[in-house]
Amino acid sequence: MKRFWVLRVLKFALFAAAAIAVLGYVVMSLWNWLLPPLAGWQALGFGQALALLVLCRILFGGFRGAGREHWRARLRERWERMTPEEQEQARAGLGRHCRRGQPASPPPA
């Protein structure tokens, strides 16, 4: 059972590393394609492109934007429209998939 979680975390870590590498390469390629000929700026290396991605994340607040808050609001509205029986059925389903048998609590208000 523990091995399953280790493999899952390893897959996620590899996927995240690959995504970061691809994003860094895309930023580097676009910068080097556009800005040196247009503005006369220097070309970027891969490490500089990754640093530029981090700087943009800090300055502009990330890649996901406000979508996460919108999702939470929709989930909360949907939960409030459910009957008590439907809420209990949803808790049971979440308990089976998320908490491995532990009782599930309703979403935060």
N, C-alpha and C. Protein backbone atom coordinates (compact mmCIF):
# COMPACT_ATOMS: atom_id res chain seq x y z
N MET A 1 0.81 -1.19 0.00
CA MET A 1 0.00 0.00 0.00
C MET A 1 0.86 1.26 0.00
N LYS A 2 1.92 1.25 0.82
CA LYS A 2 2.80 2.40 0.90
C LYS A 2 3.55 2.60 -0.43
N ARG A 3 3.87 1.52 -1.09
CA ARG A 3 4.58 1.59 -2.36
C ARG A 3 3.76 2.35 -3.40
N PHE A 4 2.44 2.14 -3.37
CA PHE A 4 1.55 2.82 -4.30
C PHE A 4 1.67 4.34 -4.15
N TRP A 5 1.70 4.84 -2.93
CA TRP A 5 1.80 6.27 -2.69
C TRP A 5 3.17 6.79 -3.09
N VAL A 6 4.20 6.01 -2.86
CA VAL A 6 5.54 6.43 -3.25
C VAL A 6 5.62 6.57 -4.76
N LEU A 7 5.06 5.62 -5.48
CA LEU A 7 5.05 5.70 -6.95
C LEU A 7 4.24 6.88 -7.43
N ARG A 8 3.14 7.15 -6.77
CA ARG A 8 2.28 8.27 -7.16
C ARG A 8 3.02 9.60 -6.96
N VAL A 9 3.69 9.74 -5.82
CA VAL A 9 4.45 10.96 -5.55
C VAL A 9 5.61 11.10 -6.53
N LEU A 10 6.27 10.00 -6.83
CA LEU A 10 7.37 10.03 -7.79
C LEU A 10 6.89 10.44 -9.18
N LYS A 11 5.75 9.91 -9.61
CA LYS A 11 5.18 10.30 -10.91
C LYS A 11 4.87 11.78 -10.93
N PHE A 12 4.27 12.28 -9.84
CA PHE A 12 3.94 13.70 -9.78
C PHE A 12 5.20 14.55 -9.84
N ALA A 13 6.23 14.16 -9.10
CA ALA A 13 7.48 14.92 -9.09
C ALA A 13 8.12 14.94 -10.48
N LEU A 14 8.11 13.80 -11.16
CA LEU A 14 8.67 13.75 -12.51
C LEU A 14 7.87 14.61 -13.48
N PHE A 15 6.54 14.56 -13.36
CA PHE A 15 5.69 15.37 -14.22
C PHE A 15 5.93 16.86 -13.96
N ALA A 16 6.03 17.25 -12.68
CA ALA A 16 6.27 18.65 -12.34
C ALA A 16 7.62 19.11 -12.88
N ALA A 17 8.66 18.29 -12.73
CA ALA A 17 9.98 18.65 -13.24
C ALA A 17 9.96 18.79 -14.76
N ALA A 18 9.27 17.89 -15.43
CA ALA A 18 9.18 17.97 -16.89
C ALA A 18 8.42 19.23 -17.31
N ALA A 19 7.33 19.55 -16.61
CA ALA A 19 6.55 20.74 -16.94
C ALA A 19 7.38 22.01 -16.74
N ILE A 20 8.13 22.07 -15.66
CA ILE A 20 8.98 23.24 -15.40
C ILE A 20 10.06 23.36 -16.47
N ALA A 21 10.64 22.24 -16.85
CA ALA A 21 11.68 22.26 -17.89
C ALA A 21 11.11 22.73 -19.23
N VAL A 22 9.92 22.23 -19.57
CA VAL A 22 9.31 22.63 -20.84
C VAL A 22 8.95 24.12 -20.82
N LEU A 23 8.38 24.59 -19.71
CA LEU A 23 8.05 26.02 -19.60
C LEU A 23 9.30 26.88 -19.69
N GLY A 24 10.36 26.46 -19.03
CA GLY A 24 11.62 27.21 -19.11
C GLY A 24 12.16 27.26 -20.52
N TYR A 25 12.08 26.13 -21.22
CA TYR A 25 12.56 26.10 -22.61
C TYR A 25 11.71 27.00 -23.51
N VAL A 26 10.39 26.99 -23.29
CA VAL A 26 9.50 27.83 -24.10
C VAL A 26 9.80 29.30 -23.86
N VAL A 27 9.96 29.70 -22.60
CA VAL A 27 10.29 31.11 -22.29
C VAL A 27 11.62 31.49 -22.92
N MET A 28 12.61 30.62 -22.77
CA MET A 28 13.93 30.90 -23.34
C MET A 28 13.84 31.04 -24.86
N SER A 29 13.14 30.14 -25.50
CA SER A 29 13.04 30.17 -26.96
C SER A 29 12.32 31.42 -27.45
N LEU A 30 11.19 31.74 -26.80
CA LEU A 30 10.45 32.93 -27.23
C LEU A 30 11.26 34.21 -27.00
N TRP A 31 11.91 34.31 -25.85
CA TRP A 31 12.73 35.49 -25.55
C TRP A 31 13.83 35.63 -26.60
N ASN A 32 14.56 34.53 -26.84
CA ASN A 32 15.69 34.58 -27.76
C ASN A 32 15.25 34.78 -29.21
N TRP A 33 14.04 34.42 -29.52
CA TRP A 33 13.52 34.60 -30.88
C TRP A 33 13.06 36.04 -31.10
N LEU A 34 12.43 36.63 -30.07
CA LEU A 34 11.84 37.95 -30.25
C LEU A 34 12.71 39.13 -29.81
N LEU A 35 13.21 39.10 -28.60
CA LEU A 35 13.79 40.31 -28.03
C LEU A 35 15.17 40.69 -28.55
N PRO A 36 16.10 39.79 -28.76
CA PRO A 36 17.39 40.26 -29.31
C PRO A 36 17.26 40.95 -30.66
N PRO A 37 16.49 40.41 -31.62
CA PRO A 37 16.38 41.14 -32.89
C PRO A 37 15.56 42.43 -32.79
N LEU A 38 14.51 42.44 -31.97
CA LEU A 38 13.64 43.60 -31.91
C LEU A 38 14.20 44.73 -31.04
N ALA A 39 14.69 44.40 -29.87
CA ALA A 39 15.11 45.42 -28.92
C ALA A 39 16.61 45.45 -28.68
N GLY A 40 17.33 44.50 -29.22
CA GLY A 40 18.77 44.47 -29.04
C GLY A 40 19.20 43.96 -27.67
N TRP A 41 18.29 43.30 -26.95
CA TRP A 41 18.63 42.75 -25.64
C TRP A 41 19.40 41.46 -25.81
N GLN A 42 20.08 41.05 -24.73
CA GLN A 42 20.87 39.83 -24.78
C GLN A 42 19.97 38.59 -24.75
N ALA A 43 20.51 37.50 -25.28
CA ALA A 43 19.79 36.23 -25.24
C ALA A 43 19.83 35.67 -23.82
N LEU A 44 18.81 34.89 -23.50
CA LEU A 44 18.71 34.25 -22.17
C LEU A 44 19.23 32.82 -22.23
N GLY A 45 19.81 32.39 -21.12
CA GLY A 45 20.13 30.99 -20.95
C GLY A 45 18.96 30.28 -20.27
N PHE A 46 19.05 28.97 -20.13
CA PHE A 46 17.96 28.19 -19.55
C PHE A 46 17.70 28.59 -18.09
N GLY A 47 18.76 28.75 -17.31
CA GLY A 47 18.61 29.15 -15.91
C GLY A 47 17.98 30.52 -15.76
N GLN A 48 18.35 31.43 -16.65
CA GLN A 48 17.77 32.76 -16.62
C GLN A 48 16.28 32.72 -16.98
N ALA A 49 15.92 31.85 -17.89
CA ALA A 49 14.50 31.71 -18.25
C ALA A 49 13.70 31.16 -17.08
N LEU A 50 14.26 30.19 -16.35
CA LEU A 50 13.57 29.68 -15.16
C LEU A 50 13.43 30.77 -14.10
N ALA A 51 14.48 31.58 -13.93
CA ALA A 51 14.41 32.68 -12.97
C ALA A 51 13.35 33.70 -13.40
N LEU A 52 13.22 33.93 -14.68
CA LEU A 52 12.19 34.85 -15.18
C LEU A 52 10.79 34.30 -14.89
N LEU A 53 10.62 32.98 -15.03
CA LEU A 53 9.33 32.36 -14.68
C LEU A 53 9.01 32.55 -13.20
N VAL A 54 9.98 32.37 -12.34
CA VAL A 54 9.77 32.56 -10.90
C VAL A 54 9.44 34.01 -10.61
N LEU A 55 10.14 34.94 -11.24
CA LEU A 55 9.87 36.36 -11.04
C LEU A 55 8.44 36.71 -11.48
N CYS A 56 8.01 36.19 -12.60
CA CYS A 56 6.65 36.43 -13.06
C CYS A 56 5.63 35.85 -12.08
N ARG A 57 5.94 34.70 -11.53
CA ARG A 57 5.05 34.07 -10.55
C ARG A 57 4.90 34.97 -9.32
N ILE A 58 6.01 35.53 -8.88
CA ILE A 58 5.98 36.42 -7.71
C ILE A 58 5.23 37.71 -8.03
N LEU A 59 5.52 38.32 -9.16
CA LEU A 59 4.94 39.61 -9.48
C LEU A 59 3.47 39.55 -9.88
N PHE A 60 3.09 38.52 -10.62
CA PHE A 60 1.74 38.47 -11.18
C PHE A 60 0.84 37.46 -10.51
N GLY A 61 1.31 36.73 -9.53
CA GLY A 61 0.45 35.88 -8.74
C GLY A 61 0.18 34.50 -9.27
N GLY A 62 0.93 34.02 -10.21
CA GLY A 62 0.82 32.63 -10.58
C GLY A 62 0.23 32.38 -11.94
N PHE A 63 0.11 31.11 -12.25
CA PHE A 63 -0.34 30.68 -13.56
C PHE A 63 -1.83 30.30 -13.57
N ARG A 64 -2.42 30.09 -12.38
CA ARG A 64 -3.81 29.65 -12.33
C ARG A 64 -4.80 30.81 -12.23
N GLY A 65 -4.41 31.93 -11.74
CA GLY A 65 -5.30 33.07 -11.63
C GLY A 65 -6.37 32.84 -10.57
N ALA A 66 -7.58 33.35 -10.82
CA ALA A 66 -8.68 33.27 -9.84
C ALA A 66 -9.55 32.04 -10.07
N GLY A 67 -9.17 31.14 -10.92
CA GLY A 67 -10.01 29.98 -11.24
C GLY A 67 -10.27 29.09 -10.05
N ARG A 68 -9.31 28.99 -9.13
CA ARG A 68 -9.47 28.12 -7.98
C ARG A 68 -10.58 28.64 -7.07
N GLU A 69 -10.63 29.94 -6.84
CA GLU A 69 -11.67 30.52 -5.99
C GLU A 69 -13.04 30.35 -6.63
N HIS A 70 -13.11 30.50 -7.93
CA HIS A 70 -14.37 30.31 -8.64
C HIS A 70 -14.84 28.87 -8.48
N TRP A 71 -13.92 27.92 -8.56
CA TRP A 71 -14.27 26.51 -8.40
C TRP A 71 -14.80 26.24 -7.01
N ARG A 72 -14.16 26.81 -5.99
CA ARG A 72 -14.62 26.62 -4.62
C ARG A 72 -16.01 27.20 -4.41
N ALA A 73 -16.27 28.37 -4.97
CA ALA A 73 -17.59 28.99 -4.83
C ALA A 73 -18.66 28.12 -5.49
N ARG A 74 -18.36 27.57 -6.66
CA ARG A 74 -19.32 26.70 -7.33
C ARG A 74 -19.58 25.44 -6.53
N LEU A 75 -18.53 24.87 -5.94
CA LEU A 75 -18.69 23.67 -5.12
C LEU A 75 -19.54 23.97 -3.89
N ARG A 76 -19.30 25.11 -3.26
CA ARG A 76 -20.07 25.50 -2.08
C ARG A 76 -21.55 25.68 -2.43
N GLU A 77 -21.85 26.33 -3.56
CA GLU A 77 -23.23 26.52 -3.99
C GLU A 77 -23.89 25.17 -4.26
N ARG A 78 -23.18 24.29 -4.91
CA ARG A 78 -23.73 22.97 -5.22
C ARG A 78 -24.01 22.20 -3.94
N TRP A 79 -23.12 22.29 -2.96
CA TRP A 79 -23.29 21.60 -1.69
C TRP A 79 -24.54 22.11 -0.96
N GLU A 80 -24.74 23.43 -0.99
CA GLU A 80 -25.88 24.02 -0.30
C GLU A 80 -27.21 23.64 -0.95
N ARG A 81 -27.21 23.35 -2.24
CA ARG A 81 -28.44 22.94 -2.92
C ARG A 81 -28.79 21.48 -2.70
N MET A 82 -27.83 20.71 -2.20
CA MET A 82 -28.08 19.27 -1.98
C MET A 82 -29.00 19.04 -0.79
N THR A 83 -29.77 17.98 -0.88
CA THR A 83 -30.57 17.55 0.27
C THR A 83 -29.63 16.87 1.27
N PRO A 84 -30.07 16.71 2.52
CA PRO A 84 -29.22 16.02 3.50
C PRO A 84 -28.84 14.60 3.06
N GLU A 85 -29.75 13.91 2.38
CA GLU A 85 -29.43 12.56 1.90
C GLU A 85 -28.33 12.61 0.83
N GLU A 86 -28.42 13.58 -0.06
CA GLU A 86 -27.40 13.70 -1.10
C GLU A 86 -26.05 14.09 -0.49
N GLN A 87 -26.08 14.95 0.53
CA GLN A 87 -24.83 15.31 1.20
C GLN A 87 -24.18 14.11 1.86
N GLU A 88 -25.00 13.28 2.50
CA GLU A 88 -24.45 12.07 3.15
C GLU A 88 -23.87 11.11 2.12
N GLN A 89 -24.56 11.00 0.98
CA GLN A 89 -24.06 10.13 -0.10
C GLN A 89 -22.73 10.67 -0.64
N ALA A 90 -22.62 12.00 -0.78
CA ALA A 90 -21.38 12.60 -1.26
C ALA A 90 -20.25 12.40 -0.24
N ARG A 91 -20.56 12.54 1.05
CA ARG A 91 -19.55 12.30 2.09
C ARG A 91 -19.04 10.87 2.02
N ALA A 92 -19.97 9.93 1.84
CA ALA A 92 -19.57 8.52 1.77
C ALA A 92 -18.66 8.29 0.56
N GLY A 93 -18.99 8.89 -0.58
CA GLY A 93 -18.16 8.75 -1.77
C GLY A 93 -16.79 9.36 -1.58
N LEU A 94 -16.73 10.53 -0.97
CA LEU A 94 -15.44 11.16 -0.70
C LEU A 94 -14.62 10.34 0.29
N GLY A 95 -15.31 9.78 1.27
CA GLY A 95 -14.61 8.96 2.26
C GLY A 95 -13.96 7.74 1.65
N ARG A 96 -14.64 7.14 0.69
CA ARG A 96 -14.07 5.96 0.02
C ARG A 96 -12.84 6.32 -0.81
N HIS A 97 -12.86 7.48 -1.45
CA HIS A 97 -11.80 7.82 -2.38
C HIS A 97 -10.68 8.66 -1.77
N CYS A 98 -11.00 9.45 -0.78
CA CYS A 98 -10.01 10.42 -0.27
C CYS A 98 -9.42 10.04 1.08
N ARG A 99 -10.22 9.49 1.96
CA ARG A 99 -9.73 9.32 3.32
C ARG A 99 -9.60 7.86 3.74
N ARG A 100 -9.79 6.98 2.84
CA ARG A 100 -9.60 5.54 3.12
C ARG A 100 -10.35 5.08 4.36
N GLY A 101 -11.67 5.32 4.39
CA GLY A 101 -12.48 4.80 5.47
C GLY A 101 -12.73 5.75 6.61
N GLN A 102 -12.00 6.86 6.69
CA GLN A 102 -12.24 7.84 7.76
C GLN A 102 -13.49 8.64 7.39
N PRO A 103 -14.27 9.07 8.38
CA PRO A 103 -15.47 9.84 8.05
C PRO A 103 -15.09 11.17 7.41
N ALA A 104 -15.81 11.52 6.38
CA ALA A 104 -15.55 12.76 5.65
C ALA A 104 -16.37 13.88 6.26
N SER A 105 -15.81 15.08 6.25
CA SER A 105 -16.54 16.24 6.75
C SER A 105 -17.02 17.06 5.54
N PRO A 106 -18.04 17.88 5.74
CA PRO A 106 -18.53 18.69 4.61
C PRO A 106 -17.49 19.72 4.22
N PRO A 107 -17.58 20.28 3.01
CA PRO A 107 -16.63 21.31 2.58
C PRO A 107 -16.71 22.52 3.50
N PRO A 108 -15.61 23.25 3.63
CA PRO A 108 -15.62 24.43 4.50
C PRO A 108 -16.56 25.49 3.98
N ALA A 109 -17.18 26.21 4.87
CA ALA A 109 -18.14 27.26 4.49
C ALA A 109 -17.43 28.54 4.13
